[in-house]
């Protein structure tokens, strides 16, 4: 299983639009094969700081998402609102059997 987190900062006035774009992306991503979870959060007390949490069945399912219209649309809409480059982290989780 692959966990992907993304941190993005936008101007305070852009938070509502960014959240709307992320909600649309989450709805689309959840329909893609291999998506187990896709959520976004505003960080309390840190205006404009947004976190995206994604859970995918595999590296390949995440790679397919990165090639999808959902990802391309979010990237092209959200990128102009970003105050800096997003910070991404990836984690691979194994089950109890080491898979």
N, C-alpha and C. Protein backbone atom coordinates (compact mmCIF):
# COMPACT_ATOMS: atom_id res chain seq x y z
N UNK A 1 0.85 -1.17 0.00
CA UNK A 1 0.00 0.00 0.00
C UNK A 1 0.90 1.24 0.00
N UNK A 2 0.48 2.25 -0.69
CA UNK A 2 1.24 3.49 -0.79
C UNK A 2 0.44 4.63 -0.16
N UNK A 3 1.09 5.36 0.73
CA UNK A 3 0.52 6.56 1.33
C UNK A 3 1.26 7.75 0.74
N UNK A 4 0.50 8.72 0.29
CA UNK A 4 1.09 9.93 -0.30
C UNK A 4 0.53 11.12 0.44
N UNK A 5 1.39 12.00 0.90
CA UNK A 5 0.94 13.25 1.50
C UNK A 5 1.52 14.41 0.71
N UNK A 6 0.76 15.48 0.63
CA UNK A 6 1.19 16.69 -0.07
C UNK A 6 0.81 17.88 0.80
N UNK A 7 1.75 18.78 0.98
CA UNK A 7 1.50 20.03 1.70
C UNK A 7 1.62 21.16 0.70
N UNK A 8 0.62 22.02 0.68
CA UNK A 8 0.63 23.16 -0.23
C UNK A 8 0.17 24.39 0.53
N UNK A 9 0.78 25.52 0.21
CA UNK A 9 0.40 26.79 0.83
C UNK A 9 -0.17 27.71 -0.24
N UNK A 10 -1.32 28.29 0.08
CA UNK A 10 -1.97 29.25 -0.81
C UNK A 10 -2.28 30.51 0.00
N UNK A 11 -2.55 31.59 -0.68
CA UNK A 11 -2.94 32.81 0.01
C UNK A 11 -4.26 32.60 0.74
N UNK A 12 -4.44 33.29 1.83
CA UNK A 12 -5.64 33.12 2.65
C UNK A 12 -6.91 33.33 1.84
N UNK A 13 -6.90 34.29 0.93
CA UNK A 13 -8.09 34.55 0.11
C UNK A 13 -8.37 33.43 -0.89
N UNK A 14 -7.35 32.60 -1.18
CA UNK A 14 -7.51 31.51 -2.14
C UNK A 14 -7.89 30.18 -1.51
N UNK A 15 -7.97 30.14 -0.18
CA UNK A 15 -8.29 28.88 0.51
C UNK A 15 -9.64 28.30 0.05
N UNK A 16 -10.73 29.09 0.00
CA UNK A 16 -12.00 28.49 -0.43
C UNK A 16 -11.94 27.87 -1.83
N UNK A 17 -11.30 28.55 -2.78
CA UNK A 17 -11.18 28.00 -4.13
C UNK A 17 -10.30 26.76 -4.12
N UNK A 18 -9.19 26.81 -3.42
CA UNK A 18 -8.30 25.64 -3.35
C UNK A 18 -9.03 24.44 -2.76
N UNK A 19 -9.80 24.66 -1.71
CA UNK A 19 -10.55 23.55 -1.09
C UNK A 19 -11.61 23.01 -2.04
N UNK A 20 -12.24 23.87 -2.81
CA UNK A 20 -13.22 23.42 -3.79
C UNK A 20 -12.55 22.56 -4.87
N UNK A 21 -11.38 23.00 -5.34
CA UNK A 21 -10.64 22.23 -6.34
C UNK A 21 -10.21 20.87 -5.78
N UNK A 22 -9.78 20.87 -4.53
CA UNK A 22 -9.35 19.62 -3.90
C UNK A 22 -10.52 18.67 -3.67
N UNK A 23 -11.68 19.22 -3.34
CA UNK A 23 -12.87 18.38 -3.16
C UNK A 23 -13.25 17.71 -4.48
N UNK A 24 -13.22 18.47 -5.56
CA UNK A 24 -13.52 17.91 -6.89
C UNK A 24 -12.51 16.83 -7.25
N UNK A 25 -11.23 17.09 -6.98
CA UNK A 25 -10.19 16.11 -7.28
C UNK A 25 -10.38 14.85 -6.46
N UNK A 26 -10.74 15.00 -5.18
CA UNK A 26 -10.95 13.84 -4.32
C UNK A 26 -12.09 12.97 -4.86
N UNK A 27 -13.17 13.60 -5.29
CA UNK A 27 -14.29 12.84 -5.85
C UNK A 27 -13.87 12.06 -7.09
N UNK A 28 -13.08 12.69 -7.93
CA UNK A 28 -12.60 12.02 -9.14
C UNK A 28 -11.59 10.93 -8.83
N UNK A 29 -10.65 11.22 -7.94
CA UNK A 29 -9.61 10.24 -7.62
C UNK A 29 -10.19 9.00 -6.98
N UNK A 30 -11.19 9.18 -6.15
CA UNK A 30 -11.80 8.02 -5.47
C UNK A 30 -12.46 7.05 -6.44
N UNK A 31 -12.72 7.50 -7.66
CA UNK A 31 -13.31 6.63 -8.69
C UNK A 31 -12.25 5.85 -9.46
N UNK A 32 -11.00 6.21 -9.29
CA UNK A 32 -9.92 5.55 -10.04
C UNK A 32 -9.56 4.21 -9.41
N UNK A 33 -9.19 3.24 -10.24
CA UNK A 33 -8.76 1.95 -9.70
C UNK A 33 -7.57 2.12 -8.75
N UNK A 34 -7.66 1.48 -7.61
CA UNK A 34 -6.56 1.50 -6.66
C UNK A 34 -6.60 2.60 -5.62
N UNK A 35 -7.51 3.55 -5.74
CA UNK A 35 -7.61 4.61 -4.74
C UNK A 35 -8.40 4.09 -3.54
N UNK A 36 -7.75 4.06 -2.41
CA UNK A 36 -8.40 3.63 -1.17
C UNK A 36 -8.91 4.81 -0.35
N UNK A 37 -8.25 5.96 -0.49
CA UNK A 37 -8.65 7.15 0.26
C UNK A 37 -8.00 8.38 -0.36
N UNK A 38 -8.68 9.51 -0.29
CA UNK A 38 -8.17 10.77 -0.80
C UNK A 38 -8.90 11.87 -0.05
N UNK A 39 -8.17 12.58 0.79
CA UNK A 39 -8.77 13.62 1.62
C UNK A 39 -7.88 14.85 1.63
N UNK A 40 -8.47 15.97 1.99
CA UNK A 40 -7.67 17.18 2.18
C UNK A 40 -8.13 17.90 3.44
N UNK A 41 -7.21 18.64 4.00
CA UNK A 41 -7.45 19.32 5.28
C UNK A 41 -6.85 20.71 5.25
N UNK A 42 -7.50 21.64 5.90
CA UNK A 42 -6.92 22.94 6.22
C UNK A 42 -6.30 22.82 7.59
N UNK A 43 -5.10 23.32 7.77
CA UNK A 43 -4.41 23.21 9.05
C UNK A 43 -4.91 24.31 9.97
N UNK A 44 -5.54 23.94 11.09
CA UNK A 44 -6.05 24.95 12.03
C UNK A 44 -4.92 25.86 12.53
N UNK A 45 -5.20 27.14 12.54
CA UNK A 45 -4.21 28.11 13.04
C UNK A 45 -3.14 28.48 12.05
N UNK A 46 -3.15 27.87 10.85
CA UNK A 46 -2.15 28.17 9.82
C UNK A 46 -2.88 28.48 8.51
N UNK A 47 -3.39 29.67 8.42
CA UNK A 47 -4.18 30.07 7.26
C UNK A 47 -3.42 29.83 5.96
N UNK A 48 -4.06 29.15 5.05
CA UNK A 48 -3.48 28.90 3.74
C UNK A 48 -2.68 27.62 3.63
N UNK A 49 -2.46 26.92 4.73
CA UNK A 49 -1.69 25.67 4.67
C UNK A 49 -2.68 24.51 4.53
N UNK A 50 -2.55 23.77 3.45
CA UNK A 50 -3.44 22.66 3.14
C UNK A 50 -2.65 21.36 3.05
N UNK A 51 -3.25 20.29 3.53
CA UNK A 51 -2.64 18.96 3.47
C UNK A 51 -3.54 18.03 2.67
N UNK A 52 -2.93 17.22 1.84
CA UNK A 52 -3.64 16.22 1.06
C UNK A 52 -3.13 14.85 1.51
N UNK A 53 -4.05 13.95 1.81
CA UNK A 53 -3.72 12.59 2.24
C UNK A 53 -4.31 11.63 1.22
N UNK A 54 -3.46 10.76 0.67
CA UNK A 54 -3.92 9.78 -0.32
C UNK A 54 -3.44 8.39 0.08
N UNK A 55 -4.28 7.41 -0.18
CA UNK A 55 -3.91 6.02 0.06
C UNK A 55 -4.22 5.23 -1.21
N UNK A 56 -3.21 4.54 -1.73
CA UNK A 56 -3.34 3.78 -2.98
C UNK A 56 -2.94 2.33 -2.74
N UNK A 57 -3.52 1.43 -3.51
CA UNK A 57 -3.22 0.01 -3.34
C UNK A 57 -1.78 -0.32 -3.73
N UNK A 58 -1.21 0.46 -4.65
CA UNK A 58 0.12 0.12 -5.15
C UNK A 58 0.80 1.35 -5.77
N UNK A 59 2.08 1.18 -6.02
CA UNK A 59 2.85 2.20 -6.73
C UNK A 59 2.25 2.43 -8.12
N UNK A 60 1.84 1.35 -8.76
CA UNK A 60 1.28 1.46 -10.11
C UNK A 60 -0.05 2.22 -10.13
N UNK A 61 -0.90 2.00 -9.12
CA UNK A 61 -2.18 2.72 -9.09
C UNK A 61 -1.93 4.21 -8.86
N UNK A 62 -0.94 4.54 -8.04
CA UNK A 62 -0.60 5.95 -7.84
C UNK A 62 -0.03 6.55 -9.13
N UNK A 63 0.81 5.80 -9.81
CA UNK A 63 1.39 6.28 -11.08
C UNK A 63 0.28 6.54 -12.11
N UNK A 64 -0.72 5.67 -12.14
CA UNK A 64 -1.84 5.86 -13.07
C UNK A 64 -2.61 7.13 -12.72
N UNK A 65 -2.79 7.40 -11.43
CA UNK A 65 -3.43 8.64 -11.00
C UNK A 65 -2.64 9.85 -11.50
N UNK A 66 -1.32 9.78 -11.39
CA UNK A 66 -0.47 10.90 -11.82
C UNK A 66 -0.58 11.16 -13.32
N UNK A 67 -1.04 10.18 -14.08
CA UNK A 67 -1.24 10.33 -15.53
C UNK A 67 -2.69 10.65 -15.88
N UNK A 68 -3.55 10.73 -14.88
CA UNK A 68 -4.99 10.88 -15.12
C UNK A 68 -5.39 12.33 -15.37
N UNK A 69 -6.58 12.48 -15.94
CA UNK A 69 -7.16 13.81 -16.13
C UNK A 69 -7.43 14.47 -14.78
N UNK A 70 -7.74 13.68 -13.77
CA UNK A 70 -7.99 14.22 -12.43
C UNK A 70 -6.75 14.95 -11.93
N UNK A 71 -5.60 14.30 -12.01
CA UNK A 71 -4.35 14.91 -11.54
C UNK A 71 -3.97 16.12 -12.39
N UNK A 72 -4.04 15.95 -13.70
CA UNK A 72 -3.67 17.07 -14.59
C UNK A 72 -4.56 18.29 -14.35
N UNK A 73 -5.85 18.06 -14.17
CA UNK A 73 -6.77 19.17 -13.93
C UNK A 73 -6.49 19.86 -12.61
N UNK A 74 -6.25 19.07 -11.56
CA UNK A 74 -5.93 19.66 -10.26
C UNK A 74 -4.63 20.44 -10.33
N UNK A 75 -3.63 19.85 -10.93
CA UNK A 75 -2.32 20.50 -11.02
C UNK A 75 -2.42 21.83 -11.76
N UNK A 76 -3.12 21.85 -12.88
CA UNK A 76 -3.20 23.09 -13.66
C UNK A 76 -4.04 24.16 -12.96
N UNK A 77 -5.01 23.75 -12.15
CA UNK A 77 -5.87 24.71 -11.45
C UNK A 77 -5.25 25.20 -10.14
N UNK A 78 -4.58 24.30 -9.44
CA UNK A 78 -4.05 24.63 -8.12
C UNK A 78 -2.68 25.30 -8.18
N UNK A 79 -1.89 24.94 -9.16
CA UNK A 79 -0.52 25.47 -9.26
C UNK A 79 -0.46 27.00 -9.25
N UNK A 80 -1.34 27.70 -9.98
CA UNK A 80 -1.28 29.16 -9.96
C UNK A 80 -1.60 29.77 -8.58
N UNK A 81 -2.28 29.02 -7.72
CA UNK A 81 -2.64 29.53 -6.40
C UNK A 81 -1.53 29.31 -5.37
N UNK A 82 -0.60 28.41 -5.68
CA UNK A 82 0.44 28.02 -4.72
C UNK A 82 1.45 29.15 -4.50
N UNK A 83 1.80 29.34 -3.24
CA UNK A 83 2.80 30.35 -2.88
C UNK A 83 4.22 29.80 -3.01
N UNK A 84 4.35 28.48 -3.02
CA UNK A 84 5.64 27.81 -3.15
C UNK A 84 5.39 26.42 -3.73
N UNK A 85 6.45 25.75 -4.07
CA UNK A 85 6.30 24.38 -4.59
C UNK A 85 5.72 23.48 -3.50
N UNK A 86 4.81 22.58 -3.87
CA UNK A 86 4.26 21.64 -2.88
C UNK A 86 5.36 20.73 -2.33
N UNK A 87 5.14 20.25 -1.13
CA UNK A 87 6.06 19.31 -0.49
C UNK A 87 5.35 17.97 -0.39
N UNK A 88 5.91 16.95 -1.04
CA UNK A 88 5.30 15.63 -1.07
C UNK A 88 6.14 14.63 -0.29
N UNK A 89 5.44 13.67 0.31
CA UNK A 89 6.09 12.56 0.99
C UNK A 89 5.36 11.28 0.60
N UNK A 90 6.12 10.20 0.45
CA UNK A 90 5.56 8.90 0.09
C UNK A 90 6.00 7.87 1.11
N UNK A 91 5.09 6.96 1.40
CA UNK A 91 5.36 5.87 2.34
C UNK A 91 4.80 4.59 1.75
N UNK A 92 5.55 3.52 1.86
CA UNK A 92 5.07 2.22 1.43
C UNK A 92 4.84 1.39 2.69
N UNK A 93 3.63 0.88 2.83
CA UNK A 93 3.27 0.07 3.99
C UNK A 93 3.15 -1.38 3.60
N UNK A 94 3.69 -2.24 4.42
CA UNK A 94 3.58 -3.67 4.20
C UNK A 94 2.55 -4.25 5.14
N UNK A 95 1.86 -5.29 4.71
CA UNK A 95 0.92 -5.96 5.62
C UNK A 95 1.70 -6.89 6.55
N UNK A 96 1.01 -7.58 7.40
CA UNK A 96 1.66 -8.44 8.40
C UNK A 96 2.47 -9.56 7.75
N UNK A 97 2.18 -9.88 6.50
CA UNK A 97 2.90 -10.95 5.80
C UNK A 97 4.09 -10.42 4.99
N UNK A 98 4.36 -9.10 5.13
CA UNK A 98 5.48 -8.50 4.41
C UNK A 98 5.18 -8.14 2.98
N UNK A 99 3.90 -8.11 2.62
CA UNK A 99 3.51 -7.74 1.24
C UNK A 99 3.22 -6.26 1.15
